[in-house]
Amino acid sequence: MESTGSPPRRTLLIGAIVVLAAGAGFGIFKAVSSGEGDDEKSRGLGDYSATDLSKVYFGNAGLIRRPATVTVERVYAHIPEYQQIQAKGLTDKNPKYYFLIQKTSERFSQAVKAAARAGRYDFVSETGTIRIEDDDADPPTDLTQAVIDQLK
C-alpha cells in the first residue's frame, strides 16, 4: 500500500483511544488527589492530605509521606524583586510588576525545591493546608526559615 501523506484511519483510531484512556486515567488521579471518593486512609496514601491543591509548592498531593509547610508572605518579604514591588507600590496595571512578580515566583520555587530536597521532604504547601489523617502522625515541619536561607 502506498502512503498518501496522511495517517491511515487505524492509526488515528488508536491515537484517539490512547488520548481517551489517558484522559480517563487523569480523571481517576484527579479524584484521588482532590479527596473525592474514599478517604485517604482507605486508599493507603499516607497519614496526610492536602486541603488546598492551589497552594502546593513541591511534591505530589496524592503521596504525602514527609510533609512540610511554608508561609509564603514571610519568604516573599526576603526576595529583592518583591521588595521592589512593595517599595514602588507597583500593581498589575504596571508592566514592570509582571516582570518582578515572575522573578519573585521563580526565586520562591527554586528556594522551596532546594530546602525540601535538603531536608528530604516529599511535599511542601502553604501553612495550614495539610490535614493529618492519623493521630500518630507527626505534624508537618515549618520549612519557612530554611526556604529563606536558600535565598541567600
C-alpha atoms as a PDB file:
ATOM      1  CA  MET A   1       0.000   0.000   0.000  1.00  0.00           C
ATOM      2  CA  GLU A   2       1.393   3.384  -0.988  1.00  0.00           C
ATOM      3  CA  SER A   3       1.492   6.241   1.526  1.00  0.00           C
ATOM      4  CA  THR A   4      -0.658   9.268   0.687  1.00  0.00           C
ATOM      5  CA  GLY A   5       0.948  11.547   3.285  1.00  0.00           C
ATOM      6  CA  SER A   6      -1.897  11.213   5.780  1.00  0.00           C
ATOM      7  CA  PRO A   7      -2.012   8.599   8.533  1.00  0.00           C
ATOM      8  CA  PRO A   8      -4.246   5.573   7.966  1.00  0.00           C
ATOM      9  CA  ARG A   9      -7.588   5.519   9.776  1.00  0.00           C
ATOM     10  CA  ARG A  10      -6.396   2.729  12.053  1.00  0.00           C
ATOM     11  CA  THR A  11      -3.523   4.916  13.341  1.00  0.00           C
ATOM     12  CA  LEU A  12      -5.939   7.756  14.015  1.00  0.00           C
ATOM     13  CA  LEU A  13      -8.314   5.403  15.821  1.00  0.00           C
ATOM     14  CA  ILE A  14      -5.520   4.019  18.015  1.00  0.00           C
ATOM     15  CA  GLY A  15      -4.350   7.565  18.759  1.00  0.00           C
ATOM     16  CA  ALA A  16      -7.863   8.574  19.790  1.00  0.00           C
ATOM     17  CA  ILE A  17      -8.152   5.553  22.090  1.00  0.00           C
ATOM     18  CA  VAL A  18      -4.817   6.380  23.751  1.00  0.00           C
ATOM     19  CA  VAL A  19      -5.881  10.006  24.306  1.00  0.00           C
ATOM     20  CA  LEU A  20      -9.230   8.939  25.771  1.00  0.00           C
ATOM     21  CA  ALA A  21      -7.579   6.362  28.036  1.00  0.00           C
ATOM     22  CA  ALA A  22      -5.058   8.939  29.235  1.00  0.00           C
ATOM     23  CA  GLY A  23      -7.898  11.367  29.923  1.00  0.00           C
ATOM     24  CA  ALA A  24      -9.775   8.737  31.900  1.00  0.00           C
ATOM     25  CA  GLY A  25      -6.625   7.987  33.891  1.00  0.00           C
ATOM     26  CA  PHE A  26      -6.187  11.680  34.639  1.00  0.00           C
ATOM     27  CA  GLY A  27      -9.779  11.847  35.852  1.00  0.00           C
ATOM     28  CA  ILE A  28      -9.112   8.989  38.261  1.00  0.00           C
ATOM     29  CA  PHE A  29      -5.912  10.667  39.506  1.00  0.00           C
ATOM     30  CA  LYS A  30      -7.731  13.956  39.946  1.00  0.00           C
ATOM     31  CA  ALA A  31     -10.430  12.261  42.022  1.00  0.00           C
ATOM     32  CA  VAL A  32      -7.783  10.622  44.211  1.00  0.00           C
ATOM     33  CA  SER A  33      -5.673  13.751  44.670  1.00  0.00           C
ATOM     34  CA  SER A  34      -8.597  16.077  45.317  1.00  0.00           C
ATOM     35  CA  GLY A  35     -10.098  13.912  48.039  1.00  0.00           C
ATOM     36  CA  GLU A  36     -13.176  12.768  46.129  1.00  0.00           C
ATOM     37  CA  GLY A  37     -14.300   9.230  46.777  1.00  0.00           C
ATOM     38  CA  ASP A  38     -12.893   7.180  49.662  1.00  0.00           C
ATOM     39  CA  ASP A  39     -10.949   8.791  52.460  1.00  0.00           C
ATOM     40  CA  GLU A  40      -7.133   8.919  52.421  1.00  0.00           C
ATOM     41  CA  LYS A  41      -6.633   6.062  54.900  1.00  0.00           C
ATOM     42  CA  SER A  42      -8.709   3.590  52.935  1.00  0.00           C
ATOM     43  CA  ARG A  43      -6.696   4.403  49.800  1.00  0.00           C
ATOM     44  CA  GLY A  44      -3.462   3.816  51.702  1.00  0.00           C
ATOM     45  CA  LEU A  45      -1.920   7.072  50.518  1.00  0.00           C
ATOM     46  CA  GLY A  46      -0.370   8.083  53.820  1.00  0.00           C
ATOM     47  CA  ASP A  47      -1.079   9.866  57.033  1.00  0.00           C
ATOM     48  CA  TYR A  48      -1.627  13.292  55.442  1.00  0.00           C
ATOM     49  CA  SER A  49      -3.792  15.021  52.855  1.00  0.00           C
ATOM     50  CA  ALA A  50      -3.690  18.427  51.180  1.00  0.00           C
ATOM     51  CA  THR A  51      -6.681  20.665  51.803  1.00  0.00           C
ATOM     52  CA  ASP A  52      -5.920  23.216  49.052  1.00  0.00           C
ATOM     53  CA  LEU A  53      -4.179  21.949  45.915  1.00  0.00           C
ATOM     54  CA  SER A  54      -3.640  25.507  44.650  1.00  0.00           C
ATOM     55  CA  LYS A  55      -1.160  26.060  47.494  1.00  0.00           C
ATOM     56  CA  VAL A  56       1.081  23.060  46.848  1.00  0.00           C
ATOM     57  CA  TYR A  57       4.630  24.231  46.110  1.00  0.00           C
ATOM     58  CA  PHE A  58       6.507  20.943  45.896  1.00  0.00           C
ATOM     59  CA  GLY A  59       5.596  17.260  45.648  1.00  0.00           C
ATOM     60  CA  ASN A  60       2.622  15.076  44.880  1.00  0.00           C
ATOM     61  CA  ALA A  61      -0.532  15.633  46.939  1.00  0.00           C
ATOM     62  CA  GLY A  62      -1.537  12.008  46.371  1.00  0.00           C
ATOM     63  CA  LEU A  63       1.565  10.589  48.068  1.00  0.00           C
ATOM     64  CA  ILE A  64       2.460  12.645  51.132  1.00  0.00           C
ATOM     65  CA  ARG A  65       4.874  10.842  53.460  1.00  0.00           C
ATOM     66  CA  ARG A  66       7.110  13.586  54.901  1.00  0.00           C
ATOM     67  CA  PRO A  67       5.364  16.965  54.618  1.00  0.00           C
ATOM     68  CA  ALA A  68       6.487  20.482  55.364  1.00  0.00           C
ATOM     69  CA  THR A  69       4.798  23.857  55.251  1.00  0.00           C
ATOM     70  CA  VAL A  70       5.916  27.351  54.320  1.00  0.00           C
ATOM     71  CA  THR A  71       4.488  30.815  54.956  1.00  0.00           C
ATOM     72  CA  VAL A  72       4.702  32.489  51.564  1.00  0.00           C
ATOM     73  CA  GLU A  73       4.437  36.086  52.780  1.00  0.00           C
ATOM     74  CA  ARG A  74       7.472  35.656  55.060  1.00  0.00           C
ATOM     75  CA  VAL A  75       9.550  34.231  52.210  1.00  0.00           C
ATOM     76  CA  TYR A  76       8.423  36.834  49.663  1.00  0.00           C
ATOM     77  CA  ALA A  77       9.469  39.605  52.075  1.00  0.00           C
ATOM     78  CA  HIS A  78      13.092  38.418  51.613  1.00  0.00           C
ATOM     79  CA  ILE A  79      13.046  38.397  47.805  1.00  0.00           C
ATOM     80  CA  PRO A  80      14.570  41.573  46.261  1.00  0.00           C
ATOM     81  CA  GLU A  81      12.140  41.717  43.330  1.00  0.00           C
ATOM     82  CA  TYR A  82       9.165  41.535  45.681  1.00  0.00           C
ATOM     83  CA  GLN A  83      10.720  44.224  47.852  1.00  0.00           C
ATOM     84  CA  GLN A  84      10.854  46.458  44.740  1.00  0.00           C
ATOM     85  CA  ILE A  85       7.161  45.823  44.068  1.00  0.00           C
ATOM     86  CA  GLN A  86       6.332  46.812  47.631  1.00  0.00           C
ATOM     87  CA  ALA A  87       8.681  49.839  47.770  1.00  0.00           C
ATOM     88  CA  LYS A  88       7.411  51.288  44.485  1.00  0.00           C
ATOM     89  CA  GLY A  89       3.777  50.402  45.135  1.00  0.00           C
ATOM     90  CA  LEU A  90       3.548  48.584  41.798  1.00  0.00           C
ATOM     91  CA  THR A  91       0.257  46.977  40.822  1.00  0.00           C
ATOM     92  CA  ASP A  92      -0.815  44.705  37.990  1.00  0.00           C
ATOM     93  CA  LYS A  93      -1.509  47.878  35.979  1.00  0.00           C
ATOM     94  CA  ASN A  94       2.240  48.496  35.661  1.00  0.00           C
ATOM     95  CA  PRO A  95       4.154  46.352  33.110  1.00  0.00           C
ATOM     96  CA  LYS A  96       7.212  46.166  35.400  1.00  0.00           C
ATOM     97  CA  TYR A  97       5.057  44.424  38.018  1.00  0.00           C
ATOM     98  CA  TYR A  98       4.725  41.318  35.843  1.00  0.00           C
ATOM     99  CA  PHE A  99       8.467  41.017  35.287  1.00  0.00           C
ATOM    100  CA  LEU A 100       9.185  41.403  39.007  1.00  0.00           C
ATOM    101  CA  ILE A 101       6.442  39.046  40.183  1.00  0.00           C
ATOM    102  CA  GLN A 102       7.658  36.410  37.701  1.00  0.00           C
ATOM    103  CA  LYS A 103      11.202  36.666  39.097  1.00  0.00           C
ATOM    104  CA  THR A 104       9.783  36.521  42.629  1.00  0.00           C
ATOM    105  CA  SER A 105       7.867  33.363  41.811  1.00  0.00           C
ATOM    106  CA  GLU A 106      10.918  31.737  40.198  1.00  0.00           C
ATOM    107  CA  ARG A 107      13.146  32.512  43.193  1.00  0.00           C
ATOM    108  CA  PHE A 108      10.486  31.241  45.587  1.00  0.00           C
ATOM    109  CA  SER A 109      10.034  27.980  43.670  1.00  0.00           C
ATOM    110  CA  GLN A 110      13.774  27.328  43.449  1.00  0.00           C
ATOM    111  CA  ALA A 111      14.256  28.010  47.158  1.00  0.00           C
ATOM    112  CA  VAL A 112      11.339  25.756  48.160  1.00  0.00           C
ATOM    113  CA  LYS A 113      12.635  22.940  45.991  1.00  0.00           C
ATOM    114  CA  ALA A 114      16.178  23.277  47.371  1.00  0.00           C
ATOM    115  CA  ALA A 115      15.006  23.404  51.009  1.00  0.00           C
ATOM    116  CA  ALA A 116      12.675  20.438  50.527  1.00  0.00           C
ATOM    117  CA  ARG A 117      15.397  18.320  48.951  1.00  0.00           C
ATOM    118  CA  ALA A 118      17.976  19.328  51.563  1.00  0.00           C
ATOM    119  CA  GLY A 119      15.578  18.322  54.349  1.00  0.00           C
ATOM    120  CA  ARG A 120      14.297  15.264  52.463  1.00  0.00           C
ATOM    121  CA  TYR A 121      10.701  16.445  52.492  1.00  0.00           C
ATOM    122  CA  ASP A 122       8.472  14.995  49.798  1.00  0.00           C
ATOM    123  CA  PHE A 123       5.738  17.632  49.968  1.00  0.00           C
ATOM    124  CA  VAL A 124       5.572  21.366  50.718  1.00  0.00           C
ATOM    125  CA  SER A 125       2.458  23.530  50.828  1.00  0.00           C
ATOM    126  CA  GLU A 126       1.182  26.719  52.454  1.00  0.00           C
ATOM    127  CA  THR A 127       0.973  26.696  56.239  1.00  0.00           C
ATOM    128  CA  GLY A 128      -2.414  25.348  57.322  1.00  0.00           C
ATOM    129  CA  THR A 129      -3.144  23.319  54.179  1.00  0.00           C
ATOM    130  CA  ILE A 130      -2.060  19.855  55.346  1.00  0.00           C
ATOM    131  CA  ARG A 131      -4.539  17.706  57.233  1.00  0.00           C
ATOM    132  CA  ILE A 132      -3.200  14.967  59.492  1.00  0.00           C
ATOM    133  CA  GLU A 133      -5.235  11.811  58.860  1.00  0.00           C
ATOM    134  CA  ASP A 134      -3.615   9.626  61.548  1.00  0.00           C
ATOM    135  CA  ASP A 135      -3.421  10.626  65.214  1.00  0.00           C
ATOM    136  CA  ASP A 136       0.038   9.049  65.477  1.00  0.00           C
ATOM    137  CA  ALA A 137       1.498  11.075  62.586  1.00  0.00           C
ATOM    138  CA  ASP A 138       3.914  13.916  63.299  1.00  0.00           C
ATOM    139  CA  PRO A 139       2.780  17.431  62.413  1.00  0.00           C
ATOM    140  CA  PRO A 140       4.281  18.905  59.231  1.00  0.00           C
ATOM    141  CA  THR A 141       7.581  20.743  59.687  1.00  0.00           C
ATOM    142  CA  ASP A 142       7.642  24.509  59.198  1.00  0.00           C
ATOM    143  CA  LEU A 143      10.196  24.966  56.421  1.00  0.00           C
ATOM    144  CA  THR A 144       9.825  28.747  56.123  1.00  0.00           C
ATOM    145  CA  GLN A 145      13.226  29.710  57.585  1.00  0.00           C
ATOM    146  CA  ALA A 146      15.034  27.031  55.574  1.00  0.00           C
ATOM    147  CA  VAL A 147      13.439  28.417  52.399  1.00  0.00           C
ATOM    148  CA  ILE A 148      14.503  31.954  53.344  1.00  0.00           C
ATOM    149  CA  ASP A 149      18.044  30.656  53.969  1.00  0.00           C
ATOM    150  CA  GLN A 150      18.085  29.167  50.450  1.00  0.00           C
ATOM    151  CA  LEU A 151      17.503  32.639  49.002  1.00  0.00           C
ATOM    152  CA  LYS A 152      20.896  33.861  50.268  1.00  0.00           C
END
